[in-house]
């Protein structure tokens, strides 16, 4: 296989055979979920196929694929964080009836921009929370720590941690709903 700017579309199968395991393993390390790692790995090779012309050969093919893997996996985690924070019972914009994100195999630039804008706005709402609510929420949802781990870090009882996470989600959801209604 060529390792230069002349990488051909026909090389995608070879890329998948040569680097599929590395891509999946790296996606799993980032997401810690086999199903998400499967989705990320599939998306990585779709993106590689779509953007094969942009590969300049400045890095190895493996490095290029792992960079795509990292960006794709982090994007999945941001979307998952968005769903966990916002979806406390009612679907938000961009979600289906069951509260899951509506996705297509190849989201448009506009939908990706809107998703990023929503995530940025959501983070602004999270950052506006008082520290006593913000810290447990971020530790739980972004860093995926257990109630006991958060309790050990913050010195709060597990019951207080649960209560603050619940109240933080309510505050963010209310602020989010208010921001949407203001538009």
C-alpha atoms as a PDB file:
ATOM      1  CA  UNK A   1       0.000   0.000   0.000  1.00  0.00           C
ATOM      2  CA  UNK A   2       1.159   3.509  -0.724  1.00  0.00           C
ATOM      3  CA  UNK A   3       2.031   5.845   2.156  1.00  0.00           C
ATOM      4  CA  UNK A   4       1.889   9.059   0.196  1.00  0.00           C
ATOM      5  CA  UNK A   5      -0.559  11.594  -1.113  1.00  0.00           C
ATOM      6  CA  UNK A   6      -1.386   9.102  -3.869  1.00  0.00           C
ATOM      7  CA  UNK A   7      -3.366   6.918  -1.474  1.00  0.00           C
ATOM      8  CA  UNK A   8      -6.152   5.393  -3.553  1.00  0.00           C
ATOM      9  CA  UNK A   9      -9.731   4.571  -2.675  1.00  0.00           C
ATOM     10  CA  UNK A  10      -8.978   0.930  -3.454  1.00  0.00           C
ATOM     11  CA  UNK A  11      -6.634   0.961  -0.458  1.00  0.00           C
ATOM     12  CA  UNK A  12      -9.530   1.318   2.025  1.00  0.00           C
ATOM     13  CA  UNK A  13      -9.966  -2.455   2.301  1.00  0.00           C
ATOM     14  CA  UNK A  14      -6.257  -2.829   2.989  1.00  0.00           C
ATOM     15  CA  UNK A  15      -6.469  -0.020   5.552  1.00  0.00           C
ATOM     16  CA  UNK A  16      -9.293  -1.828   7.316  1.00  0.00           C
ATOM     17  CA  UNK A  17      -7.406  -5.120   7.293  1.00  0.00           C
ATOM     18  CA  UNK A  18      -4.122  -3.546   8.387  1.00  0.00           C
ATOM     19  CA  UNK A  19      -5.344  -0.995  10.932  1.00  0.00           C
ATOM     20  CA  UNK A  20      -8.873  -2.032  11.863  1.00  0.00           C
ATOM     21  CA  UNK A  21      -7.804  -3.641  15.131  1.00  0.00           C
ATOM     22  CA  UNK A  22      -5.642  -0.644  16.113  1.00  0.00           C
ATOM     23  CA  UNK A  23      -8.491   1.754  15.333  1.00  0.00           C
ATOM     24  CA  UNK A  24     -11.029  -0.319  17.278  1.00  0.00           C
ATOM     25  CA  UNK A  25      -8.710  -0.754  20.275  1.00  0.00           C
ATOM     26  CA  UNK A  26      -7.962   2.982  20.441  1.00  0.00           C
ATOM     27  CA  UNK A  27     -11.674   3.799  20.118  1.00  0.00           C
ATOM     28  CA  UNK A  28     -12.384   1.371  22.950  1.00  0.00           C
ATOM     29  CA  UNK A  29      -9.706   2.907  25.188  1.00  0.00           C
ATOM     30  CA  UNK A  30     -11.295   6.330  24.697  1.00  0.00           C
ATOM     31  CA  UNK A  31     -14.974   5.328  24.923  1.00  0.00           C
ATOM     32  CA  UNK A  32     -14.722   2.264  27.196  1.00  0.00           C
ATOM     33  CA  UNK A  33     -17.700   0.761  25.389  1.00  0.00           C
ATOM     34  CA  UNK A  34     -17.569  -2.051  22.830  1.00  0.00           C
ATOM     35  CA  UNK A  35     -20.657  -0.902  20.918  1.00  0.00           C
ATOM     36  CA  UNK A  36     -19.427   2.675  20.715  1.00  0.00           C
ATOM     37  CA  UNK A  37     -15.980   1.460  19.660  1.00  0.00           C
ATOM     38  CA  UNK A  38     -17.648  -0.521  16.853  1.00  0.00           C
ATOM     39  CA  UNK A  39     -19.509   2.608  15.699  1.00  0.00           C
ATOM     40  CA  UNK A  40     -16.420   4.790  15.962  1.00  0.00           C
ATOM     41  CA  UNK A  41     -14.264   2.334  14.012  1.00  0.00           C
ATOM     42  CA  UNK A  42     -16.864   2.134  11.248  1.00  0.00           C
ATOM     43  CA  UNK A  43     -17.107   5.935  11.092  1.00  0.00           C
ATOM     44  CA  UNK A  44     -13.320   6.272  10.994  1.00  0.00           C
ATOM     45  CA  UNK A  45     -13.072   4.234   7.805  1.00  0.00           C
ATOM     46  CA  UNK A  46     -16.038   6.059   6.260  1.00  0.00           C
ATOM     47  CA  UNK A  47     -14.304   9.366   7.036  1.00  0.00           C
ATOM     48  CA  UNK A  48     -10.996   8.035   5.711  1.00  0.00           C
ATOM     49  CA  UNK A  49     -12.757   7.048   2.478  1.00  0.00           C
ATOM     50  CA  UNK A  50     -14.478  10.443   2.211  1.00  0.00           C
ATOM     51  CA  UNK A  51     -11.308  12.410   2.961  1.00  0.00           C
ATOM     52  CA  UNK A  52      -8.696  10.229   1.310  1.00  0.00           C
ATOM     53  CA  UNK A  53      -7.779  13.099  -1.022  1.00  0.00           C
ATOM     54  CA  UNK A  54      -6.829  15.255   1.981  1.00  0.00           C
ATOM     55  CA  UNK A  55      -4.227  12.748   3.189  1.00  0.00           C
ATOM     56  CA  UNK A  56      -0.950  14.551   2.500  1.00  0.00           C
ATOM     57  CA  UNK A  57       1.479  11.876   3.611  1.00  0.00           C
ATOM     58  CA  UNK A  58       3.008  14.131   6.275  1.00  0.00           C
ATOM     59  CA  UNK A  59       2.384  11.389   8.845  1.00  0.00           C
ATOM     60  CA  UNK A  60       2.019   7.660   8.515  1.00  0.00           C
ATOM     61  CA  UNK A  61      -1.345   6.242   7.481  1.00  0.00           C
ATOM     62  CA  UNK A  62      -1.655   4.705  10.946  1.00  0.00           C
ATOM     63  CA  UNK A  63      -1.102   8.080  12.619  1.00  0.00           C
ATOM     64  CA  UNK A  64      -3.663   9.679  10.295  1.00  0.00           C
ATOM     65  CA  UNK A  65      -6.236   6.986  11.084  1.00  0.00           C
ATOM     66  CA  UNK A  66      -5.606   7.190  14.829  1.00  0.00           C
ATOM     67  CA  UNK A  67      -6.058  10.960  14.726  1.00  0.00           C
ATOM     68  CA  UNK A  68      -9.402  10.459  12.961  1.00  0.00           C
ATOM     69  CA  UNK A  69     -10.224   7.802  15.584  1.00  0.00           C
ATOM     70  CA  UNK A  70      -9.459  10.144  18.465  1.00  0.00           C
ATOM     71  CA  UNK A  71     -11.517  12.994  17.030  1.00  0.00           C
ATOM     72  CA  UNK A  72     -14.432  10.699  16.188  1.00  0.00           C
ATOM     73  CA  UNK A  73     -14.420   8.997  19.606  1.00  0.00           C
ATOM     74  CA  UNK A  74     -14.271  12.323  21.449  1.00  0.00           C
ATOM     75  CA  UNK A  75     -17.150  13.575  19.319  1.00  0.00           C
ATOM     76  CA  UNK A  76     -19.176  10.486  20.308  1.00  0.00           C
ATOM     77  CA  UNK A  77     -18.411  11.152  23.977  1.00  0.00           C
ATOM     78  CA  UNK A  78     -19.460  14.801  23.676  1.00  0.00           C
ATOM     79  CA  UNK A  79     -22.758  13.727  22.118  1.00  0.00           C
ATOM     80  CA  UNK A  80     -23.254  11.132  24.859  1.00  0.00           C
ATOM     81  CA  UNK A  81     -22.519  13.786  27.500  1.00  0.00           C
ATOM     82  CA  UNK A  82     -25.027  16.105  25.837  1.00  0.00           C
ATOM     83  CA  UNK A  83     -27.711  13.397  25.910  1.00  0.00           C
ATOM     84  CA  UNK A  84     -27.060  12.494  29.564  1.00  0.00           C
ATOM     85  CA  UNK A  85     -27.187  16.098  30.759  1.00  0.00           C
ATOM     86  CA  UNK A  86     -30.141  17.325  28.734  1.00  0.00           C
ATOM     87  CA  UNK A  87     -32.347  14.274  28.557  1.00  0.00           C
ATOM     88  CA  UNK A  88     -33.977  14.076  31.940  1.00  0.00           C
ATOM     89  CA  UNK A  89     -37.250  12.860  30.553  1.00  0.00           C
ATOM     90  CA  UNK A  90     -38.190  14.923  27.543  1.00  0.00           C
ATOM     91  CA  UNK A  91     -36.503  14.876  24.163  1.00  0.00           C
ATOM     92  CA  UNK A  92     -34.444  17.902  23.233  1.00  0.00           C
ATOM     93  CA  UNK A  93     -33.986  19.340  19.747  1.00  0.00           C
ATOM     94  CA  UNK A  94     -32.112  16.868  17.563  1.00  0.00           C
ATOM     95  CA  UNK A  95     -33.384  13.826  19.418  1.00  0.00           C
ATOM     96  CA  UNK A  96     -35.891  11.227  18.421  1.00  0.00           C
ATOM     97  CA  UNK A  97     -39.053  10.231  20.262  1.00  0.00           C
ATOM     98  CA  UNK A  98     -37.177   7.803  22.501  1.00  0.00           C
ATOM     99  CA  UNK A  99     -34.571  10.406  23.444  1.00  0.00           C
ATOM    100  CA  UNK A 100     -31.813   9.053  21.233  1.00  0.00           C
ATOM    101  CA  UNK A 101     -29.859  11.293  18.928  1.00  0.00           C
ATOM    102  CA  UNK A 102     -31.012  11.206  15.323  1.00  0.00           C
ATOM    103  CA  UNK A 103     -27.985  10.473  13.246  1.00  0.00           C
ATOM    104  CA  UNK A 104     -27.298   9.675   9.653  1.00  0.00           C
ATOM    105  CA  UNK A 105     -24.324   7.801   8.332  1.00  0.00           C
ATOM    106  CA  UNK A 106     -22.879  11.082   7.096  1.00  0.00           C
ATOM    107  CA  UNK A 107     -24.115  14.169   8.955  1.00  0.00           C
ATOM    108  CA  UNK A 108     -24.199  17.404   6.997  1.00  0.00           C
ATOM    109  CA  UNK A 109     -21.827  20.240   7.792  1.00  0.00           C
ATOM    110  CA  UNK A 110     -24.829  22.228   8.975  1.00  0.00           C
ATOM    111  CA  UNK A 111     -25.954  19.498  11.392  1.00  0.00           C
ATOM    112  CA  UNK A 112     -22.408  19.081  12.721  1.00  0.00           C
ATOM    113  CA  UNK A 113     -22.176  22.856  13.242  1.00  0.00           C
ATOM    114  CA  UNK A 114     -25.536  22.935  15.017  1.00  0.00           C
ATOM    115  CA  UNK A 115     -24.539  20.000  17.210  1.00  0.00           C
ATOM    116  CA  UNK A 116     -21.300  21.736  18.172  1.00  0.00           C
ATOM    117  CA  UNK A 117     -23.164  24.976  18.854  1.00  0.00           C
ATOM    118  CA  UNK A 118     -25.648  23.096  21.072  1.00  0.00           C
ATOM    119  CA  UNK A 119     -22.818  21.393  22.949  1.00  0.00           C
ATOM    120  CA  UNK A 120     -21.042  24.738  23.428  1.00  0.00           C
ATOM    121  CA  UNK A 121     -24.237  26.333  24.723  1.00  0.00           C
ATOM    122  CA  UNK A 122     -24.818  23.385  27.043  1.00  0.00           C
ATOM    123  CA  UNK A 123     -21.288  23.702  28.442  1.00  0.00           C
ATOM    124  CA  UNK A 124     -21.937  27.385  29.070  1.00  0.00           C
ATOM    125  CA  UNK A 125     -24.995  26.399  31.109  1.00  0.00           C
ATOM    126  CA  UNK A 126     -23.006  23.785  33.049  1.00  0.00           C
ATOM    127  CA  UNK A 127     -20.215  26.290  33.757  1.00  0.00           C
ATOM    128  CA  UNK A 128     -22.746  28.822  35.078  1.00  0.00           C
ATOM    129  CA  UNK A 129     -23.814  26.395  37.814  1.00  0.00           C
ATOM    130  CA  UNK A 130     -22.547  27.071  41.335  1.00  0.00           C
ATOM    131  CA  UNK A 131     -19.479  24.912  42.044  1.00  0.00           C
ATOM    132  CA  UNK A 132     -21.379  22.764  44.552  1.00  0.00           C
ATOM    133  CA  UNK A 133     -23.604  21.534  41.678  1.00  0.00           C
ATOM    134  CA  UNK A 134     -21.186  21.851  38.760  1.00  0.00           C
ATOM    135  CA  UNK A 135     -18.347  19.769  40.210  1.00  0.00           C
ATOM    136  CA  UNK A 136     -20.319  16.586  40.985  1.00  0.00           C
ATOM    137  CA  UNK A 137     -22.120  16.828  37.608  1.00  0.00           C
ATOM    138  CA  UNK A 138     -18.896  17.121  35.618  1.00  0.00           C
ATOM    139  CA  UNK A 139     -17.194  14.362  37.633  1.00  0.00           C
ATOM    140  CA  UNK A 140     -20.172  12.079  37.025  1.00  0.00           C
ATOM    141  CA  UNK A 141     -20.997  12.758  33.408  1.00  0.00           C
ATOM    142  CA  UNK A 142     -17.792  13.940  31.829  1.00  0.00           C
ATOM    143  CA  UNK A 143     -15.271  11.916  33.827  1.00  0.00           C
ATOM    144  CA  UNK A 144     -17.701   9.005  34.352  1.00  0.00           C
ATOM    145  CA  UNK A 145     -16.860   8.558  38.032  1.00  0.00           C
ATOM    146  CA  UNK A 146     -19.106   6.592  40.364  1.00  0.00           C
ATOM    147  CA  UNK A 147     -21.035   8.214  43.217  1.00  0.00           C
ATOM    148  CA  UNK A 148     -18.539   6.706  45.681  1.00  0.00           C
ATOM    149  CA  UNK A 149     -15.554   8.073  43.738  1.00  0.00           C
ATOM    150  CA  UNK A 150     -17.132  11.530  43.603  1.00  0.00           C
ATOM    151  CA  UNK A 151     -17.891  11.272  47.312  1.00  0.00           C
ATOM    152  CA  UNK A 152     -14.239  10.448  48.037  1.00  0.00           C
ATOM    153  CA  UNK A 153     -13.006  13.368  45.906  1.00  0.00           C
ATOM    154  CA  UNK A 154     -15.440  15.979  47.233  1.00  0.00           C
ATOM    155  CA  UNK A 155     -15.748  14.792  50.826  1.00  0.00           C
ATOM    156  CA  UNK A 156     -19.554  14.784  50.473  1.00  0.00           C
ATOM    157  CA  UNK A 157     -21.756  11.881  51.499  1.00  0.00           C
ATOM    158  CA  UNK A 158     -22.993   9.672  48.632  1.00  0.00           C
ATOM    159  CA  UNK A 159     -26.556  10.874  49.258  1.00  0.00           C
ATOM    160  CA  UNK A 160     -25.478  14.510  48.943  1.00  0.00           C
ATOM    161  CA  UNK A 161     -23.578  13.715  45.737  1.00  0.00           C
ATOM    162  CA  UNK A 162     -26.668  12.053  44.216  1.00  0.00           C
ATOM    163  CA  UNK A 163     -28.859  14.969  45.260  1.00  0.00           C
ATOM    164  CA  UNK A 164     -26.498  17.567  43.822  1.00  0.00           C
ATOM    165  CA  UNK A 165     -26.149  15.718  40.518  1.00  0.00           C
ATOM    166  CA  UNK A 166     -29.929  15.452  40.251  1.00  0.00           C
ATOM    167  CA  UNK A 167     -30.413  19.144  41.087  1.00  0.00           C
ATOM    168  CA  UNK A 168     -27.619  20.156  38.692  1.00  0.00           C
ATOM    169  CA  UNK A 169     -29.315  18.249  35.868  1.00  0.00           C
ATOM    170  CA  UNK A 170     -32.605  19.967  36.688  1.00  0.00           C
ATOM    171  CA  UNK A 171     -30.943  23.400  36.659  1.00  0.00           C
ATOM    172  CA  UNK A 172     -29.144  22.755  33.359  1.00  0.00           C
ATOM    173  CA  UNK A 173     -32.291  21.343  31.754  1.00  0.00           C
ATOM    174  CA  UNK A 174     -34.331  24.359  32.902  1.00  0.00           C
ATOM    175  CA  UNK A 175     -31.676  26.800  31.651  1.00  0.00           C
ATOM    176  CA  UNK A 176     -31.383  24.849  28.387  1.00  0.00           C
ATOM    177  CA  UNK A 177     -35.146  24.872  27.898  1.00  0.00           C
ATOM    178  CA  UNK A 178     -35.212  28.617  28.630  1.00  0.00           C
ATOM    179  CA  UNK A 179     -32.417  29.263  26.132  1.00  0.00           C
ATOM    180  CA  UNK A 180     -34.289  27.312  23.441  1.00  0.00           C
ATOM    181  CA  UNK A 181     -37.544  29.175  24.138  1.00  0.00           C
ATOM    182  CA  UNK A 182     -35.719  32.517  23.879  1.00  0.00           C
ATOM    183  CA  UNK A 183     -34.677  31.732  20.297  1.00  0.00           C
END
